[in-house]
Amino acid sequence: MLVDDFGREVSGVRISLTDRCNFDCVYCHNEGLGDTRGPMEPSDDEMSTDDVVRFLEVVEEFGVEKVKFTGGEPMLRQDLEEIIERTPDSMETSLTTNGTFLPGRAEDLKAAGLSRVNVSQDALDPEAFAEITKSGAYDKVMEGVEAALDAGLDPVKLNMVVFEHTAGYVEEMVDHVAENPGLQLQLIEYMPELTGRPEWNIDIQRVHDWLAEKADRVEMREMHHRRRYFVGEGMVEIVDPVENEDFCANCHRVRVTHEGFLKGCLNRNDDLRPMGEMTREEIREAYRETVEERVPYYGEYLVQDEDDEWVINEKYIGA
């Protein structure tokens, strides 16, 4: 397993299979790349099935244990089941999806080897859901969650981005997972540096404080030092990377864009590294270099000045 200069082992990879999506969520940052979406038809620049599998076979050599498939909407890839089936057996596979295509495919994904699934769901009210996602697919998403549970893709994690539009729905969502075994909730801190709307930001610490009072018990995960709040039958976890040095210090994942570029950090696009023609040796070389040059975003790439403002570390300017 490769280790970067900050002692962080890379144990997982996150692969964007497409930037196409049937939703248009107002907070979307497309894996940190911004709005790159074009037509819904498959494009030539998406990695092929063989490219994805070859990459996974190579990073297995370096001890990578987990892979998460994302998008865009990864289930727009009709070869998703094949990709999962051909993923090395040593790797745990998971999927982040908006859930609309899970009905009818969840069982096949489970049979192919998918371990679990995250479903984006920001509200339990169809009108509020439509306002946030610019989609009328609320019922289909609810069906998708049930299909995932029925197929044994549990626990199903519901991803909810917490910002001005959704903060009022947090309590209802927490109660929802508390009352429904098999569901967990990830409350994801809104990242204004990726979406460009800082006025939508809220203080995530208020959510921590509220959950601490509501929870039956609280645990701290080793990964990212995330807190887990157990409420009733459910578990709620807060993902709060913004201005969080502990989060960055505990990052163990490298990302791959849909076009086949390696990405050492979600928040950066100045570190994209091509893998050439995706030969095994080119993948090995690019992967080694990407891990070698990874730096924690907060606390290293960004540092605080005398006014406690976050500024780019001068050693990385022009690097």
Protein backbone atom coordinates (compact mmCIF):
# COMPACT_ATOMS: atom_id res chain seq x y z
CA MET A 1 0.00 0.00 0.00
CA LEU A 2 1.47 3.34 -1.05
CA VAL A 3 1.96 6.10 1.52
CA ASP A 4 2.22 9.80 0.70
CA ASP A 5 4.72 12.22 2.21
CA PHE A 6 2.28 12.96 5.05
CA GLY A 7 2.03 9.35 6.18
CA ARG A 8 -1.39 8.76 4.66
CA GLU A 9 -1.90 5.29 3.21
CA VAL A 10 -4.04 5.14 0.08
CA SER A 11 -6.47 2.29 0.75
CA GLY A 12 -9.34 3.32 -1.53
CA VAL A 13 -10.16 4.80 -4.91
CA ARG A 14 -13.24 6.70 -6.07
CA ILE A 15 -14.00 6.39 -9.79
CA SER A 16 -16.35 8.69 -11.68
CA LEU A 17 -17.79 6.59 -14.50
CA THR A 18 -19.54 9.48 -16.26
CA ASP A 19 -20.32 13.17 -15.86
CA ARG A 20 -23.79 12.63 -17.34
CA CYS A 21 -26.73 12.88 -14.95
CA ASN A 22 -30.52 12.85 -15.12
CA PHE A 23 -30.70 15.29 -12.19
CA ASP A 24 -29.52 18.91 -11.98
CA CYS A 25 -28.98 19.37 -8.24
CA VAL A 26 -28.38 22.98 -7.28
CA TYR A 27 -25.35 22.11 -5.11
CA CYS A 28 -23.63 19.70 -7.51
CA HIS A 29 -19.87 20.07 -7.98
CA ASN A 30 -19.38 16.90 -10.07
CA GLU A 31 -16.57 15.38 -7.98
CA GLY A 32 -14.91 18.79 -7.74
CA LEU A 33 -14.74 19.31 -11.51
CA GLY A 34 -17.65 21.76 -11.70
CA ASP A 35 -20.38 21.64 -14.31
CA THR A 36 -18.83 19.69 -17.18
CA ARG A 37 -22.03 17.94 -18.22
CA GLY A 38 -23.07 17.86 -21.85
CA PRO A 39 -25.46 15.61 -23.78
CA MET A 40 -26.94 12.57 -22.05
CA GLU A 41 -25.61 10.19 -24.71
CA PRO A 42 -22.41 8.28 -23.90
CA SER A 43 -19.30 10.15 -25.00
CA ASP A 44 -16.01 8.88 -26.38
CA ASP A 45 -14.06 10.46 -23.53
CA GLU A 46 -15.56 8.18 -20.87
CA MET A 47 -13.26 5.41 -19.74
CA SER A 48 -14.17 2.08 -21.29
CA THR A 49 -15.09 -0.98 -19.26
CA ASP A 50 -11.66 -2.45 -19.94
CA ASP A 51 -9.92 0.78 -18.88
CA VAL A 52 -11.74 0.84 -15.55
CA VAL A 53 -11.04 -2.83 -14.84
CA ARG A 54 -7.38 -2.51 -15.86
CA PHE A 55 -6.96 0.44 -13.49
CA LEU A 56 -8.48 -1.54 -10.63
CA GLU A 57 -6.30 -4.56 -11.33
CA VAL A 58 -3.21 -2.34 -11.21
CA VAL A 59 -4.08 -0.53 -7.97
CA GLU A 60 -4.91 -3.89 -6.39
CA GLU A 61 -1.15 -4.52 -6.69
CA PHE A 62 -0.67 -1.55 -4.33
CA GLY A 63 -3.05 -2.86 -1.66
CA VAL A 64 -6.13 -0.79 -2.53
CA GLU A 65 -9.00 -2.39 -0.64
CA LYS A 66 -12.07 -0.35 -1.60
CA VAL A 67 -13.58 1.22 -4.69
CA LYS A 68 -16.56 3.56 -4.87
CA PHE A 69 -18.19 4.17 -8.25
CA THR A 70 -19.68 7.63 -8.74
CA GLY A 71 -20.69 10.07 -11.47
CA GLY A 72 -22.57 12.11 -12.60
CA GLU A 73 -25.04 9.28 -12.33
CA PRO A 74 -23.03 6.05 -12.63
CA MET A 75 -26.11 3.96 -13.37
CA LEU A 76 -26.37 5.68 -16.74
CA ARG A 77 -23.52 3.34 -17.63
CA GLN A 78 -25.14 0.22 -19.04
CA ASP A 79 -21.90 -1.69 -18.39
CA LEU A 80 -21.97 -0.96 -14.64
CA GLU A 81 -22.86 -4.54 -13.72
CA GLU A 82 -19.97 -5.84 -15.86
CA ILE A 83 -17.53 -3.39 -14.29
CA ILE A 84 -18.54 -4.49 -10.79
CA GLU A 85 -18.42 -8.18 -11.74
CA ARG A 86 -14.88 -7.75 -13.11
CA THR A 87 -13.63 -5.73 -10.13
CA PRO A 88 -10.93 -7.70 -8.25
CA ASP A 89 -12.45 -9.93 -5.58
CA SER A 90 -10.19 -8.43 -2.92
CA MET A 91 -11.94 -5.04 -3.18
CA GLU A 92 -15.11 -3.92 -1.45
CA THR A 93 -17.35 -2.21 -3.99
CA SER A 94 -19.84 0.55 -3.29
CA LEU A 95 -21.91 2.93 -5.41
CA THR A 96 -23.16 6.50 -5.05
CA THR A 97 -26.33 7.09 -7.06
CA ASN A 98 -29.48 9.19 -7.15
CA GLY A 99 -31.40 5.92 -6.95
CA THR A 100 -33.75 6.35 -9.91
CA PHE A 101 -32.37 3.32 -11.76
CA LEU A 102 -32.15 0.96 -8.78
CA PRO A 103 -35.63 -0.50 -9.34
CA GLY A 104 -35.05 -3.35 -11.75
CA ARG A 105 -31.24 -3.33 -11.40
CA ALA A 106 -30.51 -3.58 -7.66
CA GLU A 107 -30.62 -7.38 -7.64
CA ASP A 108 -28.32 -7.63 -10.66
CA LEU A 109 -25.86 -5.21 -9.03
CA LYS A 110 -25.86 -7.30 -5.86
CA ALA A 111 -25.33 -10.47 -7.87
CA ALA A 112 -22.43 -8.81 -9.70
CA GLY A 113 -20.70 -8.18 -6.40
CA LEU A 114 -21.81 -4.72 -5.23
CA SER A 115 -21.49 -4.48 -1.45
CA ARG A 116 -23.54 -1.42 -0.62
CA VAL A 117 -25.03 1.76 -2.00
CA ASN A 118 -25.33 5.45 -1.12
CA VAL A 119 -28.47 7.19 -2.38
CA SER A 120 -28.67 10.98 -2.61
CA GLN A 121 -31.82 12.17 -0.89
CA ASP A 122 -32.10 15.73 0.39
CA ALA A 123 -35.75 15.88 1.42
CA LEU A 124 -38.75 13.66 2.20
CA ASP A 125 -41.22 16.01 0.54
CA PRO A 126 -41.69 15.68 -3.25
CA GLU A 127 -41.94 19.43 -3.86
CA ALA A 128 -38.86 20.23 -1.78
CA PHE A 129 -37.01 17.37 -3.45
CA ALA A 130 -37.91 18.70 -6.90
CA GLU A 131 -36.74 22.21 -6.00
CA ILE A 132 -33.31 20.95 -4.93
CA THR A 133 -32.72 18.31 -7.62
CA LYS A 134 -34.65 19.92 -10.50
CA SER A 135 -36.22 16.50 -10.91
CA GLY A 136 -39.67 15.03 -10.43
CA ALA A 137 -38.26 11.60 -9.64
CA TYR A 138 -39.01 11.55 -5.90
CA ASP A 139 -41.18 8.43 -6.04
CA LYS A 140 -38.63 6.60 -8.16
CA VAL A 141 -35.89 7.41 -5.64
CA MET A 142 -38.02 6.05 -2.78
CA GLU A 143 -38.61 2.90 -4.84
CA GLY A 144 -34.89 2.67 -5.47
CA VAL A 145 -34.08 2.75 -1.76
CA GLU A 146 -36.56 -0.07 -1.14
CA ALA A 147 -35.16 -2.04 -4.06
CA ALA A 148 -31.64 -1.71 -2.63
CA LEU A 149 -32.81 -2.91 0.79
CA ASP A 150 -34.73 -5.82 -0.74
CA ALA A 151 -31.63 -6.82 -2.72
CA GLY A 152 -29.49 -6.90 0.42
CA LEU A 153 -27.43 -3.80 -0.40
CA ASP A 154 -27.62 -2.70 3.20
CA PRO A 155 -27.03 -0.59 5.05
CA VAL A 156 -28.31 1.93 2.53
CA LYS A 157 -26.74 5.31 3.24
CA LEU A 158 -28.85 8.34 2.39
CA ASN A 159 -26.64 11.28 1.41
CA MET A 160 -28.06 14.68 2.37
CA VAL A 161 -26.16 17.90 1.65
CA VAL A 162 -26.82 20.36 4.47
CA PHE A 163 -27.15 23.97 3.33
CA GLU A 164 -29.69 26.77 3.36
CA HIS A 165 -32.20 24.88 1.20
CA THR A 166 -32.16 21.67 3.26
CA ALA A 167 -31.32 22.61 6.86
CA GLY A 168 -35.00 22.64 7.79
CA TYR A 169 -35.41 19.03 6.65
CA VAL A 170 -32.62 17.53 8.77
CA GLU A 171 -34.79 16.65 11.79
CA GLU A 172 -37.35 14.83 9.63
CA MET A 173 -34.61 12.90 7.84
CA VAL A 174 -32.98 11.87 11.12
CA ASP A 175 -36.34 10.61 12.40
CA HIS A 176 -36.81 8.74 9.12
CA VAL A 177 -33.62 6.69 9.46
CA ALA A 178 -34.24 6.21 13.19
CA GLU A 179 -37.55 4.52 12.39
CA ASN A 180 -36.36 2.42 9.41
CA PRO A 181 -33.84 -0.38 10.03
CA GLY A 182 -31.33 -0.77 7.23
CA LEU A 183 -31.02 2.97 6.59
CA GLN A 184 -28.21 5.28 7.63
CA LEU A 185 -27.83 9.00 7.06
CA GLN A 186 -24.79 10.95 5.92
CA LEU A 187 -25.15 14.67 6.49
CA ILE A 188 -22.64 16.24 4.13
CA GLU A 189 -21.34 19.72 4.81
CA TYR A 190 -22.00 22.09 1.93
CA MET A 191 -18.76 23.09 0.18
CA PRO A 192 -19.04 26.69 -1.05
CA GLU A 193 -15.50 26.66 -2.43
CA LEU A 194 -16.64 24.11 -5.03
CA THR A 195 -20.08 25.49 -5.83
CA GLY A 196 -19.55 29.23 -5.69
CA ARG A 197 -22.57 30.14 -3.54
CA PRO A 198 -21.18 30.96 -0.06
CA GLU A 199 -24.46 32.56 0.96
CA TRP A 200 -26.01 29.07 1.08
CA ASN A 201 -23.59 27.92 3.78
CA ILE A 202 -24.72 27.14 7.34
CA ASP A 203 -22.78 26.45 10.54
CA ILE A 204 -22.42 22.64 10.58
CA GLN A 205 -21.42 22.78 14.25
CA ARG A 206 -25.05 23.60 15.10
CA VAL A 207 -26.04 20.27 13.57
CA HIS A 208 -23.36 18.46 15.59
CA ASP A 209 -24.60 20.09 18.79
CA TRP A 210 -28.25 19.24 18.06
CA LEU A 211 -27.43 15.61 17.26
CA ALA A 212 -25.28 15.24 20.37
CA GLU A 213 -28.34 16.10 22.47
CA LYS A 214 -30.68 13.86 20.46
CA ALA A 215 -28.47 10.77 20.08
CA ASP A 216 -28.58 7.70 22.28
CA ARG A 217 -24.79 7.40 21.91
CA VAL A 218 -21.95 8.97 19.94
CA GLU A 219 -18.87 7.34 18.41
CA MET A 220 -15.79 8.76 16.69
CA ARG A 221 -14.58 6.97 13.55
CA GLU A 222 -10.87 6.63 12.89
CA MET A 223 -11.43 7.65 9.25
CA HIS A 224 -11.54 11.45 9.03
CA HIS A 225 -12.35 11.52 12.78
CA ARG A 226 -16.01 11.61 11.80
CA ARG A 227 -18.65 11.51 14.52
CA ARG A 228 -21.42 8.94 14.35
CA TYR A 229 -24.69 9.61 16.17
CA PHE A 230 -26.92 6.63 16.95
CA VAL A 231 -30.60 7.56 17.11
CA GLY A 232 -33.23 4.84 17.51
CA GLU A 233 -32.71 2.19 14.83
CA GLY A 234 -30.53 4.44 12.71
CA MET A 235 -27.08 5.97 12.55
CA VAL A 236 -26.27 9.52 11.46
CA GLU A 237 -22.79 10.54 10.37
CA ILE A 238 -21.61 14.06 9.58
CA VAL A 239 -19.09 14.55 6.78
CA ASP A 240 -17.55 17.96 7.47
CA PRO A 241 -14.40 18.60 5.42
CA VAL A 242 -14.58 22.39 5.14
CA GLU A 243 -11.70 24.07 7.00
CA ASN A 244 -11.10 20.74 8.75
CA GLU A 245 -7.42 19.79 9.01
CA ASP A 246 -8.28 16.52 10.77
CA PHE A 247 -10.46 15.50 7.84
CA CYS A 248 -7.70 16.12 5.32
CA ALA A 249 -5.07 14.48 7.53
CA ASN A 250 -7.14 11.30 7.50
CA CYS A 251 -7.89 11.14 3.77
CA HIS A 252 -6.95 7.74 2.31
CA ARG A 253 -8.51 7.97 -1.14
CA VAL A 254 -7.41 8.84 -4.69
CA ARG A 255 -10.00 9.85 -7.30
CA VAL A 256 -10.31 9.09 -10.99
CA THR A 257 -12.28 11.34 -13.34
CA HIS A 258 -14.59 9.94 -16.00
CA GLU A 259 -11.98 10.85 -18.61
CA GLY A 260 -9.29 8.81 -16.90
CA PHE A 261 -7.34 11.47 -15.00
CA LEU A 262 -6.03 10.76 -11.52
CA LYS A 263 -6.98 13.34 -8.91
CA GLY A 264 -5.20 13.49 -5.58
CA CYS A 265 -7.68 15.83 -3.88
CA LEU A 266 -11.37 16.56 -4.33
CA ASN A 267 -10.86 20.31 -3.90
CA ARG A 268 -8.09 20.66 -6.48
CA ASN A 269 -8.00 20.50 -10.25
CA ASP A 270 -4.40 21.67 -10.63
CA ASP A 271 -3.17 18.16 -9.80
CA LEU A 272 -4.97 16.18 -12.53
CA ARG A 273 -2.67 13.54 -13.94
CA PRO A 274 -3.37 11.65 -17.19
CA MET A 275 -2.78 7.91 -17.45
CA GLY A 276 -1.83 8.03 -21.12
CA GLU A 277 -3.19 5.16 -23.16
CA MET A 278 -4.08 3.34 -19.93
CA THR A 279 -1.44 0.63 -20.29
CA ARG A 280 -0.61 -1.11 -17.04
CA GLU A 281 2.82 0.50 -16.79
CA GLU A 282 1.40 3.97 -17.52
CA ILE A 283 -1.24 3.45 -14.84
CA ARG A 284 1.40 2.30 -12.33
CA GLU A 285 3.62 5.30 -12.99
CA ALA A 286 0.79 7.84 -12.85
CA TYR A 287 -0.65 6.28 -9.70
CA ARG A 288 2.73 6.28 -7.91
CA GLU A 289 3.30 9.93 -8.83
CA THR A 290 -0.22 10.96 -7.78
CA VAL A 291 0.17 9.38 -4.34
CA GLU A 292 3.66 10.82 -3.95
CA GLU A 293 2.39 14.35 -4.62
CA ARG A 294 -0.79 14.21 -2.52
CA VAL A 295 -1.03 16.94 0.12
CA PRO A 296 -3.74 17.66 2.70
CA TYR A 297 -5.88 20.50 1.35
CA TYR A 298 -6.52 22.27 4.68
CA GLY A 299 -3.41 22.74 6.80
CA GLU A 300 -0.93 22.26 3.94
CA TYR A 301 -2.16 23.34 0.50
CA LEU A 302 -4.22 26.01 2.27
CA VAL A 303 -2.76 27.56 5.43
CA GLN A 304 -4.02 30.24 7.79
CA ASP A 305 -2.45 33.68 7.71
CA GLU A 306 -2.10 36.15 10.58
CA ASP A 307 -5.80 37.04 10.23
CA ASP A 308 -6.80 33.35 10.39
CA GLU A 309 -7.86 33.48 6.74
CA TRP A 310 -7.15 30.46 4.55
CA VAL A 311 -4.64 31.26 1.81
CA ILE A 312 -2.70 29.12 -0.67
CA ASN A 313 0.63 27.99 0.74
CA GLU A 314 3.28 29.85 -1.27
CA LYS A 315 5.27 26.65 -1.87
CA TYR A 316 2.39 25.40 -4.08
CA ILE A 317 1.87 28.60 -6.11
CA GLY A 318 2.86 27.78 -9.67
CA ALA A 319 3.73 24.19 -8.72
